[in-house]
């Protein structure tokens, strides 16, 4: 897909993005949840085993000019589903399920999608695309890498074993710094 009118990336954003690309290039076995452009429509159904359902939350507060934002998660039944705008009721409901969301200001918790089927044993690229209202162009809104719960739990256990506080600093290679939070399930 050719993307038009992308804003310029800062040197820092470029380095963060290329670091992730370098990691992906050196660890292809981790990327079994990803596919090429031609795999989209004719991809086989994902196996029932080795999958996990996640609720995803986004910050598009700096993208009010973009509509019809869709998720792109190849080989997931949630691929091409439209992200829903958060309301006070949905924020309250998700904050009861995931206390981490309580630390995020309402203005920065703008969109969500429930029950996204993702691999439980591999990294998965997740992106979102929307329509620029004034031009009608398709634009990239966000790009993230899903890390399975088992990997995050193993990281936390190793950190605790070494006496460290388990903490992952999340860097988002997203256009205009959209953020993603994955709800625990």
N, C-alpha and C. Protein backbone atom coordinates (compact mmCIF):
# COMPACT_ATOMS: atom_id res chain seq x y z
N UNK A 1 0.85 -1.17 0.00
CA UNK A 1 0.00 0.00 0.00
C UNK A 1 0.90 1.23 0.00
N UNK A 2 0.68 2.14 -0.89
CA UNK A 2 1.44 3.37 -0.99
C UNK A 2 0.80 4.41 -0.06
N UNK A 3 1.61 4.99 0.82
CA UNK A 3 1.10 5.96 1.79
C UNK A 3 1.51 7.36 1.37
N UNK A 4 0.55 8.25 1.29
CA UNK A 4 0.81 9.63 0.90
C UNK A 4 0.79 10.53 2.12
N UNK A 5 1.46 11.64 2.00
CA UNK A 5 1.40 12.72 2.98
C UNK A 5 1.81 12.30 4.38
N UNK A 6 2.83 11.45 4.51
CA UNK A 6 3.31 11.10 5.83
C UNK A 6 4.11 12.27 6.39
N UNK A 7 3.90 12.59 7.66
CA UNK A 7 4.68 13.68 8.24
C UNK A 7 6.14 13.25 8.37
N UNK A 8 7.07 14.20 8.36
CA UNK A 8 8.49 13.84 8.48
C UNK A 8 8.76 13.22 9.85
N UNK A 9 9.66 12.24 9.87
CA UNK A 9 10.05 11.60 11.12
C UNK A 9 11.27 12.32 11.67
N UNK A 10 11.33 12.46 12.99
CA UNK A 10 12.51 13.02 13.61
C UNK A 10 13.61 11.96 13.59
N UNK A 11 14.82 12.38 13.82
CA UNK A 11 15.94 11.43 13.86
C UNK A 11 15.70 10.38 14.94
N UNK A 12 15.18 10.81 16.09
CA UNK A 12 14.92 9.90 17.19
C UNK A 12 13.85 8.85 16.80
N UNK A 13 12.76 9.30 16.19
CA UNK A 13 11.72 8.37 15.74
C UNK A 13 12.26 7.40 14.71
N UNK A 14 13.10 7.90 13.79
CA UNK A 14 13.69 7.04 12.77
C UNK A 14 14.56 5.97 13.42
N UNK A 15 15.39 6.36 14.38
CA UNK A 15 16.27 5.38 15.03
C UNK A 15 15.48 4.34 15.80
N UNK A 16 14.41 4.75 16.47
CA UNK A 16 13.58 3.78 17.19
C UNK A 16 12.94 2.81 16.21
N UNK A 17 12.43 3.32 15.12
CA UNK A 17 11.76 2.47 14.12
C UNK A 17 12.74 1.51 13.48
N UNK A 18 13.92 1.99 13.12
CA UNK A 18 14.88 1.11 12.46
C UNK A 18 15.47 0.10 13.43
N UNK A 19 15.52 0.42 14.71
CA UNK A 19 15.98 -0.56 15.70
C UNK A 19 15.04 -1.74 15.74
N UNK A 20 13.73 -1.46 15.72
CA UNK A 20 12.76 -2.55 15.70
C UNK A 20 12.87 -3.35 14.41
N UNK A 21 13.11 -2.68 13.29
CA UNK A 21 13.26 -3.38 12.02
C UNK A 21 14.50 -4.27 12.06
N UNK A 22 15.58 -3.79 12.66
CA UNK A 22 16.78 -4.60 12.79
C UNK A 22 16.55 -5.83 13.64
N UNK A 23 15.79 -5.66 14.74
CA UNK A 23 15.44 -6.81 15.58
C UNK A 23 14.62 -7.81 14.78
N UNK A 24 13.67 -7.32 14.01
CA UNK A 24 12.83 -8.20 13.22
C UNK A 24 13.64 -8.94 12.17
N UNK A 25 14.59 -8.28 11.55
CA UNK A 25 15.39 -8.90 10.49
C UNK A 25 16.32 -9.97 11.04
N UNK A 26 16.75 -9.81 12.28
CA UNK A 26 17.68 -10.78 12.85
C UNK A 26 16.99 -11.93 13.57
N UNK A 27 15.68 -11.84 13.75
CA UNK A 27 14.95 -12.90 14.45
C UNK A 27 13.71 -13.31 13.68
N UNK A 28 13.87 -13.86 12.46
CA UNK A 28 12.70 -14.18 11.65
C UNK A 28 11.79 -15.24 12.26
N UNK A 29 12.29 -16.13 13.08
CA UNK A 29 11.44 -17.16 13.67
C UNK A 29 10.39 -16.56 14.59
N UNK A 30 10.65 -15.40 15.13
CA UNK A 30 9.69 -14.75 16.01
C UNK A 30 8.53 -14.16 15.23
N UNK A 31 8.67 -14.00 13.94
CA UNK A 31 7.70 -13.24 13.17
C UNK A 31 6.73 -14.12 12.41
N UNK A 32 6.43 -15.30 12.93
CA UNK A 32 5.52 -16.19 12.22
C UNK A 32 4.11 -15.64 12.19
N UNK A 33 3.79 -14.66 13.03
CA UNK A 33 2.46 -14.05 13.01
C UNK A 33 2.31 -13.00 11.93
N UNK A 34 3.35 -12.74 11.17
CA UNK A 34 3.30 -11.71 10.15
C UNK A 34 3.19 -12.34 8.77
N UNK A 35 2.76 -11.57 7.80
CA UNK A 35 2.67 -12.07 6.43
C UNK A 35 2.96 -10.96 5.47
N UNK A 36 3.12 -11.30 4.21
CA UNK A 36 3.38 -10.32 3.17
C UNK A 36 2.09 -9.69 2.69
N UNK A 37 2.23 -8.71 1.80
CA UNK A 37 1.07 -8.00 1.25
C UNK A 37 0.12 -8.94 0.53
N UNK A 38 0.66 -9.94 -0.15
CA UNK A 38 -0.18 -10.83 -0.94
C UNK A 38 -0.86 -11.91 -0.10
N UNK A 39 -0.45 -12.06 1.15
CA UNK A 39 -1.02 -13.08 2.03
C UNK A 39 -2.35 -12.67 2.62
N UNK A 40 -2.73 -11.41 2.47
CA UNK A 40 -3.86 -10.86 3.21
C UNK A 40 -5.18 -11.60 2.93
N UNK A 41 -5.59 -11.70 1.71
CA UNK A 41 -6.91 -12.25 1.41
C UNK A 41 -6.96 -13.76 1.39
N UNK A 42 -5.87 -14.40 0.99
CA UNK A 42 -5.89 -15.84 0.86
C UNK A 42 -5.19 -16.54 2.01
N UNK A 43 -5.02 -15.86 3.13
CA UNK A 43 -4.33 -16.45 4.27
C UNK A 43 -5.20 -17.53 4.90
N UNK A 44 -4.57 -18.64 5.32
CA UNK A 44 -5.35 -19.68 5.99
C UNK A 44 -5.86 -19.18 7.34
N UNK A 45 -6.92 -19.81 7.80
CA UNK A 45 -7.44 -19.46 9.12
C UNK A 45 -6.39 -19.76 10.17
N UNK A 46 -6.24 -18.88 11.17
CA UNK A 46 -5.24 -19.16 12.20
C UNK A 46 -5.65 -20.37 13.03
N UNK A 47 -4.68 -21.12 13.50
CA UNK A 47 -5.01 -22.27 14.34
C UNK A 47 -5.62 -21.81 15.66
N UNK A 48 -6.50 -22.63 16.21
CA UNK A 48 -7.15 -22.28 17.48
C UNK A 48 -6.14 -22.27 18.62
N UNK A 49 -5.21 -23.22 18.59
CA UNK A 49 -4.19 -23.30 19.64
C UNK A 49 -3.14 -22.22 19.40
N UNK A 50 -2.52 -21.76 20.47
CA UNK A 50 -1.45 -20.79 20.35
C UNK A 50 -1.92 -19.38 20.05
N UNK A 51 -3.15 -19.05 20.42
CA UNK A 51 -3.69 -17.71 20.18
C UNK A 51 -4.13 -17.11 21.51
N UNK A 52 -4.21 -15.79 21.58
CA UNK A 52 -4.73 -15.09 22.74
C UNK A 52 -5.58 -13.92 22.29
N UNK A 53 -6.61 -13.63 23.07
CA UNK A 53 -7.49 -12.49 22.77
C UNK A 53 -7.03 -11.30 23.58
N UNK A 54 -6.91 -10.15 22.92
CA UNK A 54 -6.50 -8.93 23.59
C UNK A 54 -7.43 -7.79 23.23
N UNK A 55 -7.66 -6.90 24.19
CA UNK A 55 -8.36 -5.64 23.95
C UNK A 55 -7.28 -4.59 23.75
N UNK A 56 -7.36 -3.80 22.70
CA UNK A 56 -6.35 -2.79 22.39
C UNK A 56 -6.95 -1.40 22.55
N UNK A 57 -6.17 -0.49 23.10
CA UNK A 57 -6.60 0.88 23.34
C UNK A 57 -5.60 1.83 22.69
N UNK A 58 -6.10 2.89 22.07
CA UNK A 58 -5.27 3.79 21.28
C UNK A 58 -5.46 5.25 21.69
N UNK A 59 -4.43 6.05 21.42
CA UNK A 59 -4.48 7.50 21.62
C UNK A 59 -4.33 8.15 20.24
N UNK A 60 -5.43 8.62 19.69
CA UNK A 60 -5.41 9.37 18.44
C UNK A 60 -5.88 10.80 18.70
N UNK A 61 -5.58 11.33 19.89
CA UNK A 61 -6.02 12.67 20.24
C UNK A 61 -5.41 13.73 19.33
N UNK A 62 -4.27 13.43 18.73
CA UNK A 62 -3.65 14.39 17.83
C UNK A 62 -3.99 14.09 16.36
N UNK A 63 -4.98 13.23 16.13
CA UNK A 63 -5.38 12.88 14.76
C UNK A 63 -6.89 13.08 14.55
N UNK A 64 -7.47 14.21 14.95
CA UNK A 64 -8.92 14.37 14.78
C UNK A 64 -9.37 14.43 13.33
N UNK A 65 -8.42 14.66 12.41
CA UNK A 65 -8.75 14.77 10.99
C UNK A 65 -8.80 13.41 10.28
N UNK A 66 -8.63 12.32 11.03
CA UNK A 66 -8.64 10.98 10.45
C UNK A 66 -9.89 10.24 10.91
N UNK A 67 -10.59 9.61 9.96
CA UNK A 67 -11.81 8.87 10.27
C UNK A 67 -11.68 7.42 9.81
N UNK A 68 -12.66 6.62 10.17
CA UNK A 68 -12.72 5.22 9.74
C UNK A 68 -11.40 4.49 9.94
N UNK A 69 -10.88 4.57 11.16
CA UNK A 69 -9.60 3.93 11.45
C UNK A 69 -9.82 2.43 11.59
N UNK A 70 -9.04 1.65 10.83
CA UNK A 70 -9.15 0.19 10.80
C UNK A 70 -7.87 -0.45 11.30
N UNK A 71 -8.04 -1.58 11.95
CA UNK A 71 -6.91 -2.37 12.43
C UNK A 71 -6.37 -3.21 11.29
N UNK A 72 -5.07 -3.36 11.23
CA UNK A 72 -4.46 -4.31 10.31
C UNK A 72 -3.62 -5.26 11.15
N UNK A 73 -4.12 -6.47 11.30
CA UNK A 73 -3.41 -7.54 12.01
C UNK A 73 -3.56 -8.78 11.14
N UNK A 74 -2.59 -8.98 10.26
CA UNK A 74 -2.69 -10.06 9.28
C UNK A 74 -2.91 -11.41 9.95
N UNK A 75 -3.72 -12.22 9.33
CA UNK A 75 -4.06 -13.57 9.78
C UNK A 75 -4.83 -13.58 11.09
N UNK A 76 -5.43 -12.47 11.42
CA UNK A 76 -6.30 -12.38 12.59
C UNK A 76 -7.71 -12.11 12.11
N UNK A 77 -8.72 -12.73 12.72
CA UNK A 77 -10.10 -12.42 12.34
C UNK A 77 -10.46 -10.94 12.56
N UNK A 78 -9.68 -10.25 13.39
CA UNK A 78 -9.94 -8.83 13.66
C UNK A 78 -9.35 -7.92 12.58
N UNK A 79 -8.62 -8.49 11.62
CA UNK A 79 -8.03 -7.69 10.56
C UNK A 79 -9.13 -6.91 9.82
N UNK A 80 -8.89 -5.63 9.62
CA UNK A 80 -9.80 -4.71 8.92
C UNK A 80 -11.03 -4.30 9.72
N UNK A 81 -11.11 -4.68 11.01
CA UNK A 81 -12.21 -4.18 11.83
C UNK A 81 -11.98 -2.71 12.16
N UNK A 82 -13.07 -1.95 12.25
CA UNK A 82 -12.99 -0.52 12.57
C UNK A 82 -12.78 -0.34 14.07
N UNK A 83 -11.86 0.56 14.43
CA UNK A 83 -11.65 0.92 15.83
C UNK A 83 -12.81 1.78 16.28
N UNK A 84 -13.26 1.56 17.49
CA UNK A 84 -14.40 2.30 18.04
C UNK A 84 -13.92 3.46 18.90
N UNK A 85 -14.61 4.60 18.84
CA UNK A 85 -14.24 5.70 19.73
C UNK A 85 -14.64 5.37 21.16
N UNK A 86 -13.76 5.72 22.09
CA UNK A 86 -14.07 5.52 23.51
C UNK A 86 -15.13 6.51 23.96
N UNK A 87 -15.93 6.11 24.92
CA UNK A 87 -16.87 6.99 25.61
C UNK A 87 -16.53 6.91 27.09
N UNK A 88 -17.15 7.73 27.91
CA UNK A 88 -16.92 7.64 29.35
C UNK A 88 -17.28 6.26 29.88
N UNK A 89 -18.34 5.67 29.35
CA UNK A 89 -18.78 4.34 29.80
C UNK A 89 -17.76 3.27 29.43
N UNK A 90 -17.24 3.31 28.21
CA UNK A 90 -16.27 2.27 27.82
C UNK A 90 -14.96 2.43 28.58
N UNK A 91 -14.53 3.68 28.80
CA UNK A 91 -13.31 3.89 29.59
C UNK A 91 -13.49 3.33 31.00
N UNK A 92 -14.62 3.61 31.62
CA UNK A 92 -14.89 3.10 32.98
C UNK A 92 -14.90 1.58 33.01
N UNK A 93 -15.55 0.97 32.03
CA UNK A 93 -15.62 -0.50 31.98
C UNK A 93 -14.23 -1.12 31.83
N UNK A 94 -13.42 -0.59 30.92
CA UNK A 94 -12.09 -1.15 30.72
C UNK A 94 -11.17 -0.86 31.89
N UNK A 95 -11.35 0.28 32.56
CA UNK A 95 -10.51 0.59 33.73
C UNK A 95 -10.79 -0.36 34.89
N UNK A 96 -12.01 -0.88 34.96
CA UNK A 96 -12.30 -1.90 35.98
C UNK A 96 -11.57 -3.19 35.67
N UNK A 97 -11.45 -3.53 34.39
CA UNK A 97 -10.76 -4.74 33.96
C UNK A 97 -9.24 -4.60 34.00
N UNK A 98 -8.75 -3.39 33.74
CA UNK A 98 -7.31 -3.16 33.65
C UNK A 98 -6.94 -1.87 34.38
N UNK A 99 -6.48 -1.96 35.62
CA UNK A 99 -6.17 -0.77 36.41
C UNK A 99 -5.10 0.13 35.77
N UNK A 100 -4.27 -0.41 34.90
CA UNK A 100 -3.26 0.41 34.22
C UNK A 100 -3.91 1.54 33.43
N UNK A 101 -5.10 1.32 32.92
CA UNK A 101 -5.78 2.34 32.13
C UNK A 101 -6.20 3.54 32.98
N UNK A 102 -6.29 3.37 34.30
CA UNK A 102 -6.66 4.48 35.18
C UNK A 102 -5.60 5.57 35.16
N UNK A 103 -4.36 5.21 34.83
CA UNK A 103 -3.28 6.21 34.81
C UNK A 103 -3.23 7.00 33.50
N UNK A 104 -4.11 6.68 32.56
CA UNK A 104 -4.14 7.38 31.27
C UNK A 104 -5.30 8.36 31.26
N UNK A 105 -4.98 9.61 30.95
CA UNK A 105 -5.98 10.67 30.90
C UNK A 105 -7.05 10.35 29.86
N UNK A 106 -8.31 10.71 30.17
CA UNK A 106 -9.42 10.46 29.24
C UNK A 106 -9.13 10.97 27.83
N UNK A 107 -8.52 12.14 27.72
CA UNK A 107 -8.26 12.75 26.41
C UNK A 107 -7.27 11.93 25.59
N UNK A 108 -6.50 11.08 26.24
CA UNK A 108 -5.49 10.27 25.54
C UNK A 108 -5.92 8.82 25.37
N UNK A 109 -7.13 8.51 25.74
CA UNK A 109 -7.68 7.16 25.58
C UNK A 109 -8.88 7.31 24.65
N UNK A 110 -8.59 7.36 23.33
CA UNK A 110 -9.60 7.80 22.37
C UNK A 110 -10.31 6.67 21.62
N UNK A 111 -9.64 5.54 21.35
CA UNK A 111 -10.21 4.47 20.55
C UNK A 111 -9.87 3.10 21.15
N UNK A 112 -10.66 2.11 20.79
CA UNK A 112 -10.40 0.75 21.27
C UNK A 112 -10.95 -0.27 20.29
N UNK A 113 -10.52 -1.50 20.49
CA UNK A 113 -11.06 -2.64 19.77
C UNK A 113 -10.95 -3.84 20.71
N UNK A 114 -12.02 -4.61 20.79
CA UNK A 114 -12.06 -5.75 21.71
C UNK A 114 -11.77 -7.07 21.01
N UNK A 115 -11.28 -8.02 21.79
CA UNK A 115 -11.12 -9.40 21.35
C UNK A 115 -10.34 -9.54 20.05
N UNK A 116 -9.17 -8.94 20.01
CA UNK A 116 -8.29 -9.10 18.86
C UNK A 116 -7.53 -10.41 19.04
N UNK A 117 -7.67 -11.30 18.07
CA UNK A 117 -7.04 -12.61 18.10
C UNK A 117 -5.59 -12.47 17.63
N UNK A 118 -4.63 -12.73 18.53
CA UNK A 118 -3.20 -12.56 18.23
C UNK A 118 -2.44 -13.82 18.64
N UNK A 119 -1.26 -14.03 18.07
CA UNK A 119 -0.50 -15.23 18.42
C UNK A 119 -0.02 -15.19 19.87
N UNK A 120 -0.08 -16.35 20.52
CA UNK A 120 0.39 -16.47 21.90
C UNK A 120 1.85 -16.89 21.95
N UNK A 121 2.43 -17.20 20.78
CA UNK A 121 3.79 -17.72 20.75
C UNK A 121 4.69 -17.02 19.74
N UNK A 122 4.28 -15.86 19.26
CA UNK A 122 5.07 -15.13 18.27
C UNK A 122 4.75 -13.65 18.33
N UNK A 123 5.70 -12.84 17.88
CA UNK A 123 5.44 -11.42 17.74
C UNK A 123 4.46 -11.20 16.59
N UNK A 124 3.71 -10.11 16.65
CA UNK A 124 2.74 -9.80 15.61
C UNK A 124 2.78 -8.30 15.35
N UNK A 125 2.95 -7.92 14.11
CA UNK A 125 2.86 -6.52 13.74
C UNK A 125 1.39 -6.12 13.71
N UNK A 126 1.09 -4.99 14.34
CA UNK A 126 -0.27 -4.45 14.36
C UNK A 126 -0.17 -3.01 13.86
N UNK A 127 -0.99 -2.67 12.89
CA UNK A 127 -1.02 -1.30 12.39
C UNK A 127 -2.47 -0.83 12.31
N UNK A 128 -2.64 0.46 12.19
CA UNK A 128 -3.97 1.00 11.92
C UNK A 128 -3.86 2.05 10.84
N UNK A 129 -4.87 2.05 9.97
CA UNK A 129 -4.95 2.97 8.86
C UNK A 129 -6.29 3.68 8.91
N UNK A 130 -6.33 4.92 8.51
CA UNK A 130 -7.57 5.67 8.47
C UNK A 130 -7.66 6.50 7.21
N UNK A 131 -8.74 7.25 7.10
CA UNK A 131 -8.97 8.11 5.95
C UNK A 131 -8.81 9.56 6.36
N UNK A 132 -7.93 10.27 5.66
CA UNK A 132 -7.73 11.70 5.90
C UNK A 132 -8.97 12.42 5.39
N UNK A 133 -9.68 13.15 6.27
CA UNK A 133 -10.96 13.76 5.90
C UNK A 133 -10.86 14.74 4.73
N UNK A 134 -9.84 15.59 4.72
CA UNK A 134 -9.79 16.63 3.70
C UNK A 134 -9.33 16.13 2.33
N UNK A 135 -8.58 15.02 2.27
CA UNK A 135 -8.07 14.54 0.98
C UNK A 135 -8.65 13.19 0.57
N UNK A 136 -9.16 12.41 1.54
CA UNK A 136 -9.63 11.07 1.24
C UNK A 136 -8.52 10.05 1.13
N UNK A 137 -7.28 10.45 1.38
CA UNK A 137 -6.15 9.53 1.31
C UNK A 137 -6.15 8.56 2.49
N UNK A 138 -5.65 7.37 2.25
CA UNK A 138 -5.43 6.41 3.33
C UNK A 138 -4.10 6.75 3.99
N UNK A 139 -4.12 6.86 5.32
CA UNK A 139 -2.92 7.24 6.07
C UNK A 139 -2.65 6.23 7.18
N UNK A 140 -1.38 6.04 7.46
CA UNK A 140 -0.97 5.19 8.57
C UNK A 140 -1.20 5.96 9.86
N UNK A 141 -1.91 5.37 10.80
CA UNK A 141 -2.18 6.03 12.08
C UNK A 141 -1.28 5.50 13.19
N UNK A 142 -0.99 4.21 13.18
CA UNK A 142 -0.14 3.64 14.22
C UNK A 142 0.49 2.35 13.73
N UNK A 143 1.59 1.97 14.38
CA UNK A 143 2.25 0.70 14.11
C UNK A 143 2.88 0.22 15.41
N UNK A 144 2.54 -1.00 15.80
CA UNK A 144 3.06 -1.57 17.03
C UNK A 144 3.47 -3.02 16.79
N UNK A 145 4.15 -3.56 17.78
CA UNK A 145 4.46 -4.99 17.76
C UNK A 145 3.84 -5.60 19.01
N UNK A 146 2.96 -6.58 18.80
CA UNK A 146 2.35 -7.31 19.91
C UNK A 146 3.38 -8.29 20.47
N UNK A 147 3.52 -8.28 21.80
CA UNK A 147 4.38 -9.24 22.49
C UNK A 147 3.46 -10.15 23.30
N UNK A 148 3.53 -11.47 23.09
CA UNK A 148 2.63 -12.38 23.80
C UNK A 148 2.76 -12.28 25.32
N UNK A 149 1.64 -12.56 25.99
CA UNK A 149 1.61 -12.49 27.46
C UNK A 149 2.68 -13.38 28.09
N UNK A 150 2.86 -14.58 27.55
CA UNK A 150 3.84 -15.50 28.13
C UNK A 150 5.24 -14.89 28.11
N UNK A 151 5.58 -14.19 27.04
CA UNK A 151 6.89 -13.53 26.95
C UNK A 151 7.01 -12.41 27.96
N UNK A 152 5.95 -11.62 28.12
CA UNK A 152 5.97 -10.54 29.10
C UNK A 152 6.08 -11.09 30.53
N UNK A 153 5.35 -12.18 30.81
CA UNK A 153 5.43 -12.80 32.13
C UNK A 153 6.82 -13.35 32.40
N UNK A 154 7.44 -13.99 31.39
CA UNK A 154 8.79 -14.53 31.54
C UNK A 154 9.79 -13.41 31.81
N UNK A 155 9.62 -12.28 31.13
CA UNK A 155 10.47 -11.12 31.36
C UNK A 155 10.35 -10.64 32.80
N UNK A 156 9.11 -10.53 33.29
CA UNK A 156 8.88 -10.06 34.67
C UNK A 156 9.49 -11.03 35.68
N UNK A 157 9.34 -12.33 35.44
CA UNK A 157 9.93 -13.33 36.35
C UNK A 157 11.45 -13.23 36.39
N UNK A 158 12.08 -13.06 35.22
CA UNK A 158 13.54 -12.92 35.18
C UNK A 158 13.98 -11.65 35.89
N UNK A 159 13.26 -10.57 35.69
CA UNK A 159 13.62 -9.31 36.35
C UNK A 159 13.54 -9.46 37.86
N UNK A 160 12.46 -10.09 38.34
CA UNK A 160 12.31 -10.30 39.79
C UNK A 160 13.40 -11.21 40.33
N UNK A 161 13.78 -12.24 39.57
CA UNK A 161 14.82 -13.17 40.00
C UNK A 161 16.15 -12.46 40.19
N UNK A 162 16.38 -11.41 39.42
CA UNK A 162 17.62 -10.64 39.54
C UNK A 162 17.46 -9.44 40.46
N UNK A 163 16.32 -9.35 41.14
CA UNK A 163 16.09 -8.26 42.09
C UNK A 163 15.74 -6.93 41.44
N UNK A 164 15.38 -6.95 40.19
CA UNK A 164 15.03 -5.71 39.49
C UNK A 164 13.52 -5.56 39.44
N UNK A 165 13.09 -4.34 39.28
CA UNK A 165 11.66 -4.06 39.10
C UNK A 165 11.30 -4.38 37.66
N UNK A 166 10.31 -5.27 37.43
CA UNK A 166 9.94 -5.56 36.04
C UNK A 166 9.29 -4.36 35.38
N UNK A 167 9.95 -3.83 34.38
CA UNK A 167 9.44 -2.64 33.69
C UNK A 167 9.89 -2.68 32.24
N UNK A 168 8.97 -2.42 31.36
CA UNK A 168 9.30 -2.32 29.94
C UNK A 168 8.95 -0.92 29.50
N UNK A 169 9.92 -0.22 28.98
CA UNK A 169 9.66 1.10 28.43
C UNK A 169 9.13 0.89 27.02
N UNK A 170 7.95 1.38 26.76
CA UNK A 170 7.31 1.16 25.46
C UNK A 170 7.61 2.34 24.56
N UNK A 171 8.25 2.05 23.44
CA UNK A 171 8.50 3.06 22.43
C UNK A 171 7.60 2.76 21.26
N UNK A 172 6.93 3.74 20.80
CA UNK A 172 5.99 3.55 19.70
C UNK A 172 6.54 4.22 18.46
N UNK A 173 6.69 3.45 17.38
CA UNK A 173 7.14 4.00 16.12
C UNK A 173 5.98 4.53 15.32
N UNK A 174 4.99 5.08 16.00
CA UNK A 174 3.76 5.51 15.36
C UNK A 174 3.88 6.90 14.78
N UNK A 175 3.06 7.14 13.77
CA UNK A 175 2.97 8.48 13.23
C UNK A 175 2.30 9.36 14.29
N UNK A 176 2.90 10.49 14.59
CA UNK A 176 2.39 11.45 15.57
C UNK A 176 2.16 10.82 16.95
N UNK A 177 2.95 9.85 17.29
CA UNK A 177 3.00 9.30 18.65
C UNK A 177 1.69 8.73 19.18
N UNK A 178 0.90 8.07 18.35
CA UNK A 178 -0.28 7.37 18.86
C UNK A 178 0.21 6.27 19.79
N UNK A 179 -0.53 6.01 20.82
CA UNK A 179 -0.11 5.02 21.80
C UNK A 179 -1.08 3.86 21.85
N UNK A 180 -0.56 2.73 22.27
CA UNK A 180 -1.36 1.51 22.36
C UNK A 180 -1.16 0.91 23.74
N UNK A 181 -2.24 0.47 24.34
CA UNK A 181 -2.17 -0.27 25.59
C UNK A 181 -2.94 -1.55 25.39
N UNK A 182 -2.34 -2.67 25.75
CA UNK A 182 -3.03 -3.95 25.63
C UNK A 182 -3.60 -4.33 26.99
N UNK A 183 -4.89 -4.62 27.02
CA UNK A 183 -5.54 -5.05 28.25
C UNK A 183 -5.15 -6.48 28.57
N UNK A 184 -5.01 -6.76 29.85
CA UNK A 184 -4.71 -8.12 30.28
C UNK A 184 -5.96 -8.97 30.17
N UNK A 185 -5.79 -10.21 29.81
CA UNK A 185 -6.90 -11.16 29.75
C UNK A 185 -6.46 -12.45 30.35
